[in-house]
């Protein structure tokens, strides 16, 4: 997410350009005129629809599994693990491979793969042949395509706009993502209620097709890296890993994020069962909870500059970590007071999204600032491998634990584990600083 939990957030956000292209566009509008830049607006409109569609599917597939296929705790664990396995399996080499390709082309192919894979689910359901293993296969394929899409998406902006417009472009993409997080789950809940979960997935297929077309119509000016500028894949991957693990402050951030994601995934894997079966909520109510909670992410993005100015950049990291790890206890607490479960879950989602955004914006900015440009892609891929690679393992563990102990005890274990995650940044040098360094600190443990 990079505190990335199952429900948005987290982590580094798609659309945050972290690497520069080898060439800048030859002829573009003056800086500050992106509203008149038809090329950027074409790409942006496609991505806005795709972000909205992905939120619909994020709700529709678990609902399909729980309500139509009667998935068990273990089966939900397999499903969630399949969706995030790609981050563990191909997360590291994907960054090095994509650095050698034209990123817009990678995104086009990824959209095509995601649309075709998801379209298979409503077709199989209509034919009466849909089974859980189909969901596993589709989740795995979509997950691999998403890894390649997201890494490319984070790096394409410098080849579309002028350097002075990059911040504006990223701001527009980030705002769109947060709005999709707010509107998407509610729209997904409504579509599931009106059309049923399988056909709601077709809405996402349509948005990926729209993104595919928009990218075909978008022009970029990126040139692939020259062959003599490429080293062996393993050497390039190792260089990125050494950079991340050799920086004491960055290592502490990775530790907090990885442990938090590990236990958050334990909780969020069983969240559909928790909401739909344990609490008896409807898919519409589930979508509304997610949407209202996501408003906290938008508020957090807006409040982060003010918080950083008030308490300092360095202290914002442990403060936000304490907040998002502590609020995790509210999720299982809702099961003990079902009469007020709905408002408790909304509060949990809002505070969690708000504080995760403060944490992410602060630590990602720090990472980008201290990392040499030539290492940015591999640094981000290395961090993502560490903090997302734990998620498929946690999903399988959650499914097994839920089958053994039950859904609610598993949620408590996930919440308790998240409390521990903040220790990496709470105990250490962050409190002694106000601002984080602009250059790489000494390669020490950071203690």
Protein backbone atom coordinates (compact mmCIF):
# COMPACT_ATOMS: atom_id res chain seq x y z
CA UNK A 1 0.00 0.00 0.00
CA UNK A 2 2.65 0.74 -0.30
CA UNK A 3 0.72 -0.16 2.56
CA UNK A 4 -1.50 -1.95 0.14
CA UNK A 5 -4.51 -3.65 1.44
CA UNK A 6 -7.01 -5.60 -0.56
CA UNK A 7 -9.26 -2.60 -0.81
CA UNK A 8 -7.23 0.04 -2.44
CA UNK A 9 -4.61 1.28 -1.09
CA UNK A 10 -2.41 1.26 -0.58
CA UNK A 11 0.87 1.19 -1.88
CA UNK A 12 2.29 2.95 -4.65
CA UNK A 13 -0.37 4.35 -6.79
CA UNK A 14 -0.72 3.69 -10.49
CA UNK A 15 0.01 6.79 -12.39
CA UNK A 16 2.91 7.99 -10.29
CA UNK A 17 5.62 8.39 -12.87
CA UNK A 18 8.89 7.13 -11.46
CA UNK A 19 11.15 6.79 -14.46
CA UNK A 20 11.91 9.14 -17.29
CA UNK A 21 11.73 8.13 -20.91
CA UNK A 22 14.76 8.35 -23.14
CA UNK A 23 13.11 11.01 -25.26
CA UNK A 24 10.62 13.73 -24.50
CA UNK A 25 7.73 14.49 -26.84
CA UNK A 26 8.72 16.66 -29.73
CA UNK A 27 5.71 18.93 -29.88
CA UNK A 28 3.23 19.35 -27.07
CA UNK A 29 1.12 22.10 -25.56
CA UNK A 30 2.76 24.45 -23.12
CA UNK A 31 3.07 23.41 -19.52
CA UNK A 32 -0.13 23.78 -17.53
CA UNK A 33 -2.43 23.15 -20.49
CA UNK A 34 -3.27 19.46 -20.10
CA UNK A 35 -6.99 20.25 -20.37
CA UNK A 36 -6.21 21.20 -23.97
CA UNK A 37 -3.87 18.26 -24.59
CA UNK A 38 -6.06 15.84 -26.54
CA UNK A 39 -3.42 13.12 -26.47
CA UNK A 40 -3.24 13.07 -22.66
CA UNK A 41 -7.02 13.40 -22.34
CA UNK A 42 -7.50 10.37 -24.57
CA UNK A 43 -5.27 8.22 -22.38
CA UNK A 44 -6.75 9.69 -19.18
CA UNK A 45 -10.35 9.00 -20.19
CA UNK A 46 -9.57 5.36 -20.94
CA UNK A 47 -7.80 4.91 -17.62
CA UNK A 48 -10.63 6.59 -15.71
CA UNK A 49 -13.09 4.03 -17.10
CA UNK A 50 -10.71 1.13 -16.44
CA UNK A 51 -10.20 2.21 -12.81
CA UNK A 52 -13.96 2.34 -12.31
CA UNK A 53 -14.43 -1.07 -13.93
CA UNK A 54 -11.72 -2.71 -11.83
CA UNK A 55 -13.54 -1.59 -8.67
CA UNK A 56 -16.75 -3.20 -9.93
CA UNK A 57 -15.00 -6.53 -10.51
CA UNK A 58 -13.22 -6.32 -7.15
CA UNK A 59 -16.65 -6.59 -5.57
CA UNK A 60 -18.42 -8.77 -8.15
CA UNK A 61 -15.98 -11.70 -8.19
CA UNK A 62 -16.04 -12.35 -4.41
CA UNK A 63 -19.83 -12.00 -4.42
CA UNK A 64 -20.01 -14.50 -7.28
CA UNK A 65 -17.78 -16.90 -5.36
CA UNK A 66 -19.62 -16.59 -2.03
CA UNK A 67 -23.27 -16.34 -3.11
CA UNK A 68 -23.40 -18.28 -6.39
CA UNK A 69 -20.64 -20.89 -5.99
CA UNK A 70 -20.90 -21.19 -2.18
CA UNK A 71 -17.14 -20.78 -1.73
CA UNK A 72 -15.61 -21.94 1.54
CA UNK A 73 -12.96 -20.12 3.56
CA UNK A 74 -10.21 -22.20 1.97
CA UNK A 75 -11.54 -21.59 -1.53
CA UNK A 76 -11.57 -17.83 -0.91
CA UNK A 77 -7.97 -18.15 0.23
CA UNK A 78 -7.04 -19.84 -3.05
CA UNK A 79 -8.95 -17.21 -5.03
CA UNK A 80 -7.27 -14.29 -3.32
CA UNK A 81 -3.85 -15.94 -3.59
CA UNK A 82 -4.34 -16.49 -7.32
CA UNK A 83 -5.15 -12.81 -7.79
CA UNK A 84 -1.93 -11.58 -6.18
CA UNK A 85 0.45 -14.47 -6.92
CA UNK A 86 1.93 -12.62 -9.89
CA UNK A 87 3.52 -10.03 -7.59
CA UNK A 88 5.54 -12.80 -5.96
CA UNK A 89 6.29 -14.80 -9.12
CA UNK A 90 6.97 -12.13 -11.78
CA UNK A 91 7.15 -8.92 -9.75
CA UNK A 92 10.95 -8.60 -9.82
CA UNK A 93 11.70 -9.52 -13.46
CA UNK A 94 8.69 -7.54 -14.73
CA UNK A 95 10.40 -4.25 -13.88
CA UNK A 96 13.58 -5.16 -15.73
CA UNK A 97 11.68 -6.53 -18.75
CA UNK A 98 9.41 -3.51 -19.03
CA UNK A 99 12.41 -1.17 -18.97
CA UNK A 100 13.34 -2.80 -22.30
CA UNK A 101 9.89 -2.39 -23.94
CA UNK A 102 7.62 0.41 -25.07
CA UNK A 103 5.34 0.82 -22.11
CA UNK A 104 2.23 1.85 -24.03
CA UNK A 105 2.43 -1.37 -26.04
CA UNK A 106 2.71 -3.40 -22.84
CA UNK A 107 -0.40 -1.66 -21.48
CA UNK A 108 -2.36 -2.35 -24.68
CA UNK A 109 -1.60 -6.06 -24.53
CA UNK A 110 -2.37 -6.18 -20.80
CA UNK A 111 -5.78 -4.60 -21.34
CA UNK A 112 -6.58 -7.10 -24.08
CA UNK A 113 -5.61 -10.05 -21.89
CA UNK A 114 -7.63 -8.77 -18.93
CA UNK A 115 -10.74 -8.15 -21.01
CA UNK A 116 -10.64 -11.59 -22.64
CA UNK A 117 -9.99 -13.41 -19.37
CA UNK A 118 -12.82 -11.68 -17.51
CA UNK A 119 -15.25 -12.16 -20.40
CA UNK A 120 -14.91 -15.92 -19.93
CA UNK A 121 -16.64 -15.80 -16.51
CA UNK A 122 -20.13 -14.62 -17.56
CA UNK A 123 -19.95 -16.90 -20.61
CA UNK A 124 -19.18 -19.94 -18.46
CA UNK A 125 -21.92 -18.98 -16.01
CA UNK A 126 -24.46 -18.59 -18.83
CA UNK A 127 -23.48 -22.04 -20.11
CA UNK A 128 -23.93 -23.49 -16.62
CA UNK A 129 -20.30 -24.62 -16.48
CA UNK A 130 -18.74 -22.10 -14.08
CA UNK A 131 -16.68 -23.62 -11.26
CA UNK A 132 -14.28 -22.25 -8.68
CA UNK A 133 -11.21 -23.35 -10.61
CA UNK A 134 -12.31 -21.06 -13.43
CA UNK A 135 -12.19 -18.14 -11.00
CA UNK A 136 -8.70 -19.17 -9.89
CA UNK A 137 -7.45 -19.32 -13.48
CA UNK A 138 -8.97 -15.97 -14.44
CA UNK A 139 -7.65 -14.30 -11.28
CA UNK A 140 -4.16 -15.61 -12.01
CA UNK A 141 -4.17 -14.40 -15.64
CA UNK A 142 -5.61 -11.00 -14.73
CA UNK A 143 -3.05 -10.68 -11.92
CA UNK A 144 -0.09 -11.26 -14.26
CA UNK A 145 -1.48 -8.78 -16.80
CA UNK A 146 -2.05 -6.23 -14.03
CA UNK A 147 1.56 -6.46 -12.85
CA UNK A 148 2.79 -5.57 -16.33
CA UNK A 149 0.13 -2.89 -16.79
CA UNK A 150 0.77 -1.18 -13.45
CA UNK A 151 4.56 -1.07 -13.75
CA UNK A 152 4.22 0.39 -17.25
CA UNK A 153 1.52 2.82 -16.12
CA UNK A 154 3.79 4.21 -13.43
CA UNK A 155 6.46 4.98 -16.01
CA UNK A 156 4.62 6.22 -19.12
CA UNK A 157 3.73 9.80 -18.15
CA UNK A 158 7.16 11.32 -18.94
CA UNK A 159 6.79 10.11 -22.53
CA UNK A 160 3.37 11.77 -22.89
CA UNK A 161 3.80 15.23 -21.36
CA UNK A 162 6.50 17.80 -20.77
CA UNK A 163 8.58 17.59 -17.56
CA UNK A 164 6.79 20.61 -16.07
CA UNK A 165 3.44 18.88 -16.62
CA UNK A 166 4.28 15.56 -14.93
CA UNK A 167 3.02 16.60 -11.48
CA UNK A 168 -0.25 17.89 -12.96
CA UNK A 169 -0.71 14.70 -14.98
CA UNK A 170 -0.08 12.49 -11.95
CA UNK A 171 -2.46 14.60 -9.88
CA UNK A 172 -5.24 14.08 -12.42
CA UNK A 173 -4.61 10.33 -12.59
CA UNK A 174 -4.48 10.04 -8.80
CA UNK A 175 -7.70 12.01 -8.37
CA UNK A 176 -9.39 9.75 -10.90
CA UNK A 177 -8.26 6.67 -9.01
CA UNK A 178 -9.64 7.97 -5.73
CA UNK A 179 -12.96 8.88 -7.34
CA UNK A 180 -13.13 5.38 -8.82
CA UNK A 181 -12.49 3.94 -5.35
CA UNK A 182 -15.46 5.95 -4.11
CA UNK A 183 -17.94 5.38 -6.94
CA UNK A 184 -16.85 1.92 -8.13
CA UNK A 185 -17.89 -0.27 -5.16
CA UNK A 186 -21.32 1.37 -4.90
CA UNK A 187 -21.82 1.00 -8.65
CA UNK A 188 -20.62 -2.60 -8.38
CA UNK A 189 -23.09 -3.37 -5.61
CA UNK A 190 -25.93 -1.89 -7.66
CA UNK A 191 -24.92 -3.78 -10.81
CA UNK A 192 -24.65 -7.05 -8.88
CA UNK A 193 -28.16 -6.49 -7.47
CA UNK A 194 -29.68 -5.57 -10.83
CA UNK A 195 -27.76 -7.76 -13.29
CA UNK A 196 -26.22 -10.48 -11.05
CA UNK A 197 -22.50 -10.79 -10.38
CA UNK A 198 -21.49 -12.55 -13.64
CA UNK A 199 -23.01 -9.89 -15.86
CA UNK A 200 -21.71 -7.08 -13.65
CA UNK A 201 -18.25 -8.35 -14.61
CA UNK A 202 -19.10 -7.50 -18.23
CA UNK A 203 -19.07 -3.84 -17.19
CA UNK A 204 -15.38 -4.18 -16.36
CA UNK A 205 -14.74 -5.96 -19.65
CA UNK A 206 -16.24 -2.94 -21.40
CA UNK A 207 -14.01 -0.52 -19.49
CA UNK A 208 -10.88 -2.51 -20.34
CA UNK A 209 -11.90 -2.45 -24.00
CA UNK A 210 -12.32 1.33 -23.72
CA UNK A 211 -8.85 1.60 -22.18
CA UNK A 212 -7.46 -0.60 -24.96
CA UNK A 213 -8.94 1.68 -27.64
CA UNK A 214 -7.80 4.84 -25.85
CA UNK A 215 -4.23 3.56 -25.68
CA UNK A 216 -4.31 2.66 -29.37
CA UNK A 217 -5.27 6.26 -30.11
CA UNK A 218 -2.65 7.72 -27.73
CA UNK A 219 0.71 8.81 -29.11
CA UNK A 220 3.94 8.52 -27.15
CA UNK A 221 7.54 9.35 -27.93
CA UNK A 222 9.33 6.65 -26.00
CA UNK A 223 12.26 4.74 -27.43
CA UNK A 224 13.28 1.36 -25.96
CA UNK A 225 16.61 1.21 -24.19
CA UNK A 226 19.51 0.54 -26.48
CA UNK A 227 20.82 -3.01 -26.46
CA UNK A 228 24.23 -1.89 -25.19
CA UNK A 229 22.54 -0.26 -22.18
CA UNK A 230 21.22 -3.60 -20.91
CA UNK A 231 22.89 -5.93 -18.48
CA UNK A 232 21.92 -9.47 -17.51
CA UNK A 233 18.45 -9.58 -15.99
CA UNK A 234 19.64 -11.13 -12.72
CA UNK A 235 22.34 -8.50 -12.29
CA UNK A 236 19.86 -5.66 -12.84
CA UNK A 237 17.37 -7.22 -10.41
CA UNK A 238 20.13 -7.65 -7.82
CA UNK A 239 21.15 -4.00 -8.14
CA UNK A 240 17.62 -2.90 -7.29
CA UNK A 241 17.38 -5.24 -4.31
CA UNK A 242 20.75 -4.11 -2.95
CA UNK A 243 19.65 -0.50 -3.12
CA UNK A 244 16.47 -1.18 -1.13
CA UNK A 245 18.06 -3.39 1.52
CA UNK A 246 21.13 -1.18 1.85
CA UNK A 247 19.18 1.90 2.99
CA UNK A 248 18.28 1.79 6.68
CA UNK A 249 15.27 4.12 6.56
CA UNK A 250 13.87 2.49 3.45
CA UNK A 251 14.35 -0.95 4.97
CA UNK A 252 12.26 0.03 8.00
CA UNK A 253 9.48 1.32 5.74
CA UNK A 254 9.52 -1.93 3.78
CA UNK A 255 9.34 -3.89 7.04
CA UNK A 256 6.25 -2.04 8.27
CA UNK A 257 4.54 -2.25 4.90
CA UNK A 258 5.26 -5.94 4.38
CA UNK A 259 4.07 -7.01 7.85
CA UNK A 260 1.00 -4.82 7.57
CA UNK A 261 0.13 -6.26 4.15
CA UNK A 262 0.72 -9.78 5.43
CA UNK A 263 -1.83 -9.50 8.22
CA UNK A 264 -4.19 -7.17 6.34
CA UNK A 265 -4.45 -9.87 3.68
CA UNK A 266 -5.27 -12.42 6.38
CA UNK A 267 -8.26 -10.23 7.28
CA UNK A 268 -9.33 -9.05 3.84
CA UNK A 269 -9.23 -12.50 2.27
CA UNK A 270 -12.23 -13.51 4.37
CA UNK A 271 -13.90 -10.09 4.29
CA UNK A 272 -16.63 -11.17 1.78
CA UNK A 273 -17.57 -14.07 4.05
CA UNK A 274 -17.43 -11.81 7.09
CA UNK A 275 -19.75 -9.21 5.56
CA UNK A 276 -22.13 -11.40 3.57
CA UNK A 277 -22.47 -14.43 5.88
CA UNK A 278 -21.35 -13.48 9.37
CA UNK A 279 -22.99 -10.03 9.40
CA UNK A 280 -25.70 -10.82 6.83
CA UNK A 281 -25.12 -7.70 4.74
CA UNK A 282 -26.24 -7.43 1.12
CA UNK A 283 -23.85 -6.83 -1.82
CA UNK A 284 -25.30 -3.30 -2.09
CA UNK A 285 -24.45 -2.58 1.56
CA UNK A 286 -20.98 -4.05 1.06
CA UNK A 287 -20.41 -1.71 -1.88
CA UNK A 288 -21.63 1.31 0.07
CA UNK A 289 -19.27 0.52 2.95
CA UNK A 290 -16.32 0.35 0.57
CA UNK A 291 -17.34 3.56 -1.20
CA UNK A 292 -17.84 5.58 1.99
CA UNK A 293 -14.57 4.26 3.35
CA UNK A 294 -12.75 5.24 0.17
CA UNK A 295 -13.69 8.88 0.76
CA UNK A 296 -11.05 8.76 3.45
CA UNK A 297 -8.43 8.10 0.77
CA UNK A 298 -9.41 11.23 -1.12
CA UNK A 299 -9.40 13.23 2.11
CA UNK A 300 -6.02 11.77 3.05
CA UNK A 301 -4.50 12.76 -0.29
CA UNK A 302 -5.71 16.32 0.22
CA UNK A 303 -4.63 16.52 3.86
CA UNK A 304 -1.13 15.02 3.52
CA UNK A 305 0.66 18.29 2.61
CA UNK A 306 -0.88 20.02 5.63
CA UNK A 307 -0.03 17.14 7.96
CA UNK A 308 3.55 17.03 6.72
CA UNK A 309 3.94 20.77 7.26
CA UNK A 310 2.47 20.48 10.74
CA UNK A 311 4.40 17.54 12.21
CA UNK A 312 7.21 17.02 9.70
CA UNK A 313 7.72 14.52 6.91
CA UNK A 314 9.69 12.01 8.99
CA UNK A 315 7.18 11.91 11.86
CA UNK A 316 4.21 11.60 9.50
CA UNK A 317 5.36 8.05 8.73
CA UNK A 318 5.19 6.58 12.29
CA UNK A 319 2.10 8.63 13.16
CA UNK A 320 0.16 7.33 10.17
CA UNK A 321 1.46 3.79 10.78
CA UNK A 322 0.18 3.85 14.37
CA UNK A 323 -3.21 5.04 13.12
CA UNK A 324 -3.75 2.49 10.35
CA UNK A 325 -2.48 -0.40 12.48
CA UNK A 326 -4.68 0.57 15.44
CA UNK A 327 -7.88 1.10 13.46
CA UNK A 328 -7.56 -2.48 12.17
CA UNK A 329 -9.06 -3.71 15.46
CA UNK A 330 -12.39 -2.10 14.58
CA UNK A 331 -12.98 -4.57 11.74
CA UNK A 332 -13.45 -7.74 13.86
CA UNK A 333 -14.98 -5.62 16.64
CA UNK A 334 -17.99 -5.07 14.37
CA UNK A 335 -18.93 -8.74 14.82
CA UNK A 336 -19.35 -8.23 18.60
CA UNK A 337 -21.83 -5.36 18.17
CA UNK A 338 -23.80 -6.25 15.01
CA UNK A 339 -26.41 -3.56 15.69
CA UNK A 340 -23.84 -0.87 14.90
CA UNK A 341 -21.66 -2.92 12.56
CA UNK A 342 -22.43 -0.77 9.52
CA UNK A 343 -21.22 2.57 10.97
CA UNK A 344 -18.23 0.86 12.57
CA UNK A 345 -17.18 -0.59 9.22
CA UNK A 346 -17.57 2.79 7.53
CA UNK A 347 -15.41 4.44 10.21
CA UNK A 348 -12.83 1.68 9.84
CA UNK A 349 -12.70 2.11 6.06
CA UNK A 350 -12.50 5.90 6.23
CA UNK A 351 -9.75 6.12 8.86
CA UNK A 352 -7.78 3.27 7.30
CA UNK A 353 -7.91 4.81 3.81
CA UNK A 354 -7.05 8.27 5.15
CA UNK A 355 -4.00 7.19 7.14
CA UNK A 356 -2.76 4.75 4.49
CA UNK A 357 -2.77 7.60 1.95
CA UNK A 358 -0.76 9.83 4.30
CA UNK A 359 1.73 7.01 4.82
CA UNK A 360 1.97 6.12 1.13
CA UNK A 361 2.36 9.62 -0.24
CA UNK A 362 5.05 10.44 2.31
CA UNK A 363 7.13 7.29 1.98
CA UNK A 364 6.82 7.00 -1.82
CA UNK A 365 7.93 10.63 -2.21
CA UNK A 366 10.94 9.88 0.00
CA UNK A 367 11.82 6.78 -2.03
CA UNK A 368 11.63 8.65 -5.30
CA UNK A 369 13.72 11.52 -3.97
CA UNK A 370 16.67 9.47 -2.70
CA UNK A 371 16.86 6.91 -5.52
CA UNK A 372 18.99 7.54 -8.62
CA UNK A 373 16.82 7.86 -11.74
CA UNK A 374 18.36 4.82 -13.41
CA UNK A 375 17.32 2.68 -10.41
CA UNK A 376 13.79 3.97 -9.89
CA UNK A 377 12.02 1.23 -11.81
CA UNK A 378 13.97 -1.55 -10.15
CA UNK A 379 13.67 0.07 -6.74
CA UNK A 380 9.88 0.20 -7.10
CA UNK A 381 9.75 -3.37 -8.41
CA UNK A 382 11.92 -4.56 -5.50
CA UNK A 383 9.78 -2.81 -2.90
CA UNK A 384 6.60 -4.12 -4.51
CA UNK A 385 8.01 -7.65 -4.55
CA UNK A 386 8.71 -7.45 -0.82
CA UNK A 387 5.47 -5.83 0.28
CA UNK A 388 3.08 -7.52 -2.16
CA UNK A 389 4.90 -10.84 -2.39
CA UNK A 390 3.66 -11.73 1.10
CA UNK A 391 0.03 -11.40 0.03
CA UNK A 392 -0.52 -14.74 -1.80
CA UNK A 393 1.12 -16.56 1.13
CA UNK A 394 -1.12 -14.68 3.57
CA UNK A 395 -4.22 -15.43 1.50
CA UNK A 396 -3.56 -19.18 1.60
CA UNK A 397 -2.83 -18.99 5.32
CA UNK A 398 -6.07 -17.06 5.86
CA UNK A 399 -8.12 -19.65 4.03
CA UNK A 400 -6.62 -22.49 6.07
CA UNK A 401 -6.95 -20.56 9.33
CA UNK A 402 -10.56 -19.66 8.57
CA UNK A 403 -11.42 -23.31 7.90
CA UNK A 404 -9.81 -24.32 11.21
CA UNK A 405 -10.81 -21.51 13.60
CA UNK A 406 -13.62 -19.74 11.78
CA UNK A 407 -13.98 -16.37 10.07
CA UNK A 408 -14.18 -14.03 13.07
CA UNK A 409 -11.17 -15.46 15.00
CA UNK A 410 -9.13 -15.20 11.80
CA UNK A 411 -10.12 -11.53 11.49
CA UNK A 412 -8.90 -10.93 15.06
CA UNK A 413 -5.56 -12.58 14.27
CA UNK A 414 -5.20 -10.36 11.21
CA UNK A 415 -5.97 -7.22 13.23
CA UNK A 416 -3.57 -8.17 16.03
CA UNK A 417 -0.80 -8.79 13.52
CA UNK A 418 -1.31 -5.39 11.95
CA UNK A 419 -0.70 -3.79 15.33
CA UNK A 420 2.83 -5.24 15.26
CA UNK A 421 3.62 -3.78 11.86
CA UNK A 422 4.08 -0.22 13.06
CA UNK A 423 7.04 -1.20 15.29
CA UNK A 424 9.57 -0.97 12.43
CA UNK A 425 8.99 2.77 11.98
CA UNK A 426 7.81 3.66 15.49
CA UNK A 427 11.00 2.30 17.11
CA UNK A 428 13.84 4.04 15.35
CA UNK A 429 15.13 7.30 13.95
CA UNK A 430 11.95 8.80 12.46
CA UNK A 431 10.93 10.54 15.70
CA UNK A 432 14.35 12.21 15.96
CA UNK A 433 13.96 13.90 12.57
CA UNK A 434 11.51 16.39 11.21
CA UNK A 435 12.40 16.06 7.54
CA UNK A 436 13.67 13.01 5.71
CA UNK A 437 17.02 13.28 3.92
CA UNK A 438 17.24 14.47 0.34
CA UNK A 439 20.21 12.25 -0.43
CA UNK A 440 20.85 8.62 0.42
CA UNK A 441 21.73 8.25 4.11
CA UNK A 442 24.60 6.08 5.17
CA UNK A 443 24.02 2.40 4.52
CA UNK A 444 23.35 1.42 8.08
CA UNK A 445 20.52 -0.26 9.89
CA UNK A 446 18.88 3.09 10.41
CA UNK A 447 18.66 2.61 14.14
